[in-house]
């Protein structure tokens, strides 16, 4: 969602909309944490904000993720400040795997309660 509220993040992301859009449209939902966060900044835990935003979207049930990576973000023609480094890709993929595992466990928990996905 375009909000242009400025720093620290440039766009508002409402992950509560992920399951709603999936339910109302039956279409896959893609999240774009790079453009929402807009930087490579990390929180006090050392985890980049883009990783946090990605995990939130995946745990909410997003089907796809669009994240910018670049071998040298300083020389990128567009979106350099938000691009993650290629050497961070394995860490990112493992973090996504953990988030997806959490989502799948939540789906199993819902199924055990008699709730359909």
C-alpha atoms as a PDB file:
ATOM      1  CA  UNK A   1       0.000   0.000   0.000  1.00  0.00           C
ATOM      2  CA  UNK A   2       1.521   3.312  -1.020  1.00  0.00           C
ATOM      3  CA  UNK A   3       1.616   5.637   1.941  1.00  0.00           C
ATOM      4  CA  UNK A   4       4.777   7.659   1.458  1.00  0.00           C
ATOM      5  CA  UNK A   5       5.017   8.340   5.178  1.00  0.00           C
ATOM      6  CA  UNK A   6       8.769   8.623   4.846  1.00  0.00           C
ATOM      7  CA  UNK A   7      11.449   7.058   6.982  1.00  0.00           C
ATOM      8  CA  UNK A   8      12.024   4.542   8.384  1.00  0.00           C
ATOM      9  CA  UNK A   9       9.935   2.617   5.817  1.00  0.00           C
ATOM     10  CA  UNK A  10       8.459   4.003   2.689  1.00  0.00           C
ATOM     11  CA  UNK A  11       5.286   1.951   2.240  1.00  0.00           C
ATOM     12  CA  UNK A  12       2.781   0.540   4.685  1.00  0.00           C
ATOM     13  CA  UNK A  13       2.332  -3.230   4.602  1.00  0.00           C
ATOM     14  CA  UNK A  14      -0.814  -4.761   6.055  1.00  0.00           C
ATOM     15  CA  UNK A  15      -0.220  -8.496   6.213  1.00  0.00           C
ATOM     16  CA  UNK A  16      -3.736  -9.025   7.541  1.00  0.00           C
ATOM     17  CA  UNK A  17      -4.796  -8.517   3.930  1.00  0.00           C
ATOM     18  CA  UNK A  18      -2.883 -11.605   2.703  1.00  0.00           C
ATOM     19  CA  UNK A  19      -5.456 -14.207   3.848  1.00  0.00           C
ATOM     20  CA  UNK A  20      -8.324 -11.844   3.018  1.00  0.00           C
ATOM     21  CA  UNK A  21      -7.205 -11.369  -0.585  1.00  0.00           C
ATOM     22  CA  UNK A  22      -6.610 -15.120  -0.940  1.00  0.00           C
ATOM     23  CA  UNK A  23     -10.090 -15.868   0.408  1.00  0.00           C
ATOM     24  CA  UNK A  24     -11.899 -13.253  -1.674  1.00  0.00           C
ATOM     25  CA  UNK A  25     -10.093 -13.860  -4.958  1.00  0.00           C
ATOM     26  CA  UNK A  26      -8.755 -17.418  -4.688  1.00  0.00           C
ATOM     27  CA  UNK A  27      -5.656 -15.972  -6.399  1.00  0.00           C
ATOM     28  CA  UNK A  28      -2.064 -16.356  -5.230  1.00  0.00           C
ATOM     29  CA  UNK A  29      -0.778 -13.402  -3.232  1.00  0.00           C
ATOM     30  CA  UNK A  30       2.675 -11.900  -3.694  1.00  0.00           C
ATOM     31  CA  UNK A  31       4.317  -9.656  -1.115  1.00  0.00           C
ATOM     32  CA  UNK A  32       7.088  -7.167  -1.898  1.00  0.00           C
ATOM     33  CA  UNK A  33       8.981  -6.498   1.335  1.00  0.00           C
ATOM     34  CA  UNK A  34      11.919  -4.792  -0.413  1.00  0.00           C
ATOM     35  CA  UNK A  35       9.780  -1.921  -1.682  1.00  0.00           C
ATOM     36  CA  UNK A  36       7.924  -1.661   1.610  1.00  0.00           C
ATOM     37  CA  UNK A  37      11.008  -1.484   3.779  1.00  0.00           C
ATOM     38  CA  UNK A  38      13.142   0.391   1.263  1.00  0.00           C
ATOM     39  CA  UNK A  39      16.486  -0.166   2.969  1.00  0.00           C
ATOM     40  CA  UNK A  40      18.965  -2.795   4.141  1.00  0.00           C
ATOM     41  CA  UNK A  41      18.624  -1.707   7.784  1.00  0.00           C
ATOM     42  CA  UNK A  42      18.521  -4.331  10.527  1.00  0.00           C
ATOM     43  CA  UNK A  43      16.848  -4.274  13.908  1.00  0.00           C
ATOM     44  CA  UNK A  44      18.580  -4.615  17.266  1.00  0.00           C
ATOM     45  CA  UNK A  45      18.355  -8.400  16.833  1.00  0.00           C
ATOM     46  CA  UNK A  46      20.638  -8.191  13.778  1.00  0.00           C
ATOM     47  CA  UNK A  47      17.930  -9.413  11.428  1.00  0.00           C
ATOM     48  CA  UNK A  48      17.343  -7.151   8.414  1.00  0.00           C
ATOM     49  CA  UNK A  49      13.937  -5.475   8.342  1.00  0.00           C
ATOM     50  CA  UNK A  50      13.334  -7.053   4.918  1.00  0.00           C
ATOM     51  CA  UNK A  51      13.735 -10.508   6.505  1.00  0.00           C
ATOM     52  CA  UNK A  52      11.197  -9.612   9.202  1.00  0.00           C
ATOM     53  CA  UNK A  53       8.703  -8.275   6.658  1.00  0.00           C
ATOM     54  CA  UNK A  54       9.167 -11.350   4.469  1.00  0.00           C
ATOM     55  CA  UNK A  55       8.594 -13.713   7.401  1.00  0.00           C
ATOM     56  CA  UNK A  56       5.456 -11.820   8.415  1.00  0.00           C
ATOM     57  CA  UNK A  57       4.025 -12.170   4.918  1.00  0.00           C
ATOM     58  CA  UNK A  58       4.935 -15.853   4.635  1.00  0.00           C
ATOM     59  CA  UNK A  59       3.459 -16.661   8.046  1.00  0.00           C
ATOM     60  CA  UNK A  60       0.300 -14.824   6.936  1.00  0.00           C
ATOM     61  CA  UNK A  61       0.096 -17.191   3.947  1.00  0.00           C
ATOM     62  CA  UNK A  62       1.672 -15.309   1.040  1.00  0.00           C
ATOM     63  CA  UNK A  63       2.289 -17.545  -1.952  1.00  0.00           C
ATOM     64  CA  UNK A  64       5.125 -15.526  -3.459  1.00  0.00           C
ATOM     65  CA  UNK A  65       7.799 -13.113  -2.317  1.00  0.00           C
ATOM     66  CA  UNK A  66       9.565 -10.442  -4.350  1.00  0.00           C
ATOM     67  CA  UNK A  67      12.850  -9.369  -2.751  1.00  0.00           C
ATOM     68  CA  UNK A  68      15.655  -7.417  -4.406  1.00  0.00           C
ATOM     69  CA  UNK A  69      19.198  -8.843  -4.415  1.00  0.00           C
ATOM     70  CA  UNK A  70      22.238  -7.335  -6.122  1.00  0.00           C
ATOM     71  CA  UNK A  71      25.964  -8.200  -6.156  1.00  0.00           C
ATOM     72  CA  UNK A  72      26.845  -4.538  -5.499  1.00  0.00           C
ATOM     73  CA  UNK A  73      23.807  -2.509  -4.376  1.00  0.00           C
ATOM     74  CA  UNK A  74      25.806   0.741  -4.483  1.00  0.00           C
ATOM     75  CA  UNK A  75      26.081   0.411  -8.270  1.00  0.00           C
ATOM     76  CA  UNK A  76      22.511  -0.762  -8.914  1.00  0.00           C
ATOM     77  CA  UNK A  77      20.654   1.373 -11.439  1.00  0.00           C
ATOM     78  CA  UNK A  78      17.457   1.157  -9.393  1.00  0.00           C
ATOM     79  CA  UNK A  79      16.531   0.141  -5.856  1.00  0.00           C
ATOM     80  CA  UNK A  80      20.130  -0.234  -4.666  1.00  0.00           C
ATOM     81  CA  UNK A  81      19.481   0.956  -1.086  1.00  0.00           C
ATOM     82  CA  UNK A  82      16.911  -1.800  -0.539  1.00  0.00           C
ATOM     83  CA  UNK A  83      18.759  -4.618  -2.308  1.00  0.00           C
ATOM     84  CA  UNK A  84      20.192  -7.399  -0.201  1.00  0.00           C
ATOM     85  CA  UNK A  85      23.628  -8.790  -0.993  1.00  0.00           C
ATOM     86  CA  UNK A  86      23.896 -12.025  -2.969  1.00  0.00           C
ATOM     87  CA  UNK A  87      25.934 -13.518  -0.107  1.00  0.00           C
ATOM     88  CA  UNK A  88      22.834 -13.027   2.095  1.00  0.00           C
ATOM     89  CA  UNK A  89      20.685 -15.230  -0.163  1.00  0.00           C
ATOM     90  CA  UNK A  90      21.350 -18.529   1.690  1.00  0.00           C
ATOM     91  CA  UNK A  91      20.524 -16.869   5.034  1.00  0.00           C
ATOM     92  CA  UNK A  92      17.379 -15.333   3.494  1.00  0.00           C
ATOM     93  CA  UNK A  93      16.221 -18.661   2.043  1.00  0.00           C
ATOM     94  CA  UNK A  94      16.720 -20.431   5.374  1.00  0.00           C
ATOM     95  CA  UNK A  95      14.744 -17.698   7.127  1.00  0.00           C
ATOM     96  CA  UNK A  96      11.922 -18.094   4.580  1.00  0.00           C
ATOM     97  CA  UNK A  97      12.002 -21.863   5.112  1.00  0.00           C
ATOM     98  CA  UNK A  98      11.511 -21.346   8.845  1.00  0.00           C
ATOM     99  CA  UNK A  99       8.633 -18.940   8.253  1.00  0.00           C
ATOM    100  CA  UNK A 100       7.002 -21.354   5.792  1.00  0.00           C
ATOM    101  CA  UNK A 101       7.380 -24.199   8.284  1.00  0.00           C
ATOM    102  CA  UNK A 102       5.597 -22.071  10.867  1.00  0.00           C
ATOM    103  CA  UNK A 103       2.783 -21.335   8.395  1.00  0.00           C
ATOM    104  CA  UNK A 104       2.386 -25.035   7.591  1.00  0.00           C
ATOM    105  CA  UNK A 105       2.195 -25.881  11.296  1.00  0.00           C
ATOM    106  CA  UNK A 106      -0.486 -23.223  11.726  1.00  0.00           C
ATOM    107  CA  UNK A 107      -2.465 -24.791   8.865  1.00  0.00           C
ATOM    108  CA  UNK A 108      -2.219 -28.213  10.555  1.00  0.00           C
ATOM    109  CA  UNK A 109      -3.364 -26.699  13.838  1.00  0.00           C
ATOM    110  CA  UNK A 110      -6.364 -25.129  12.086  1.00  0.00           C
ATOM    111  CA  UNK A 111      -7.188 -28.444  10.392  1.00  0.00           C
ATOM    112  CA  UNK A 112      -7.098 -30.181  13.776  1.00  0.00           C
ATOM    113  CA  UNK A 113      -9.693 -27.665  14.947  1.00  0.00           C
ATOM    114  CA  UNK A 114     -11.911 -28.513  11.972  1.00  0.00           C
ATOM    115  CA  UNK A 115     -11.152 -25.290  10.108  1.00  0.00           C
ATOM    116  CA  UNK A 116     -10.618 -25.565   6.341  1.00  0.00           C
ATOM    117  CA  UNK A 117      -7.726 -23.731   4.710  1.00  0.00           C
END
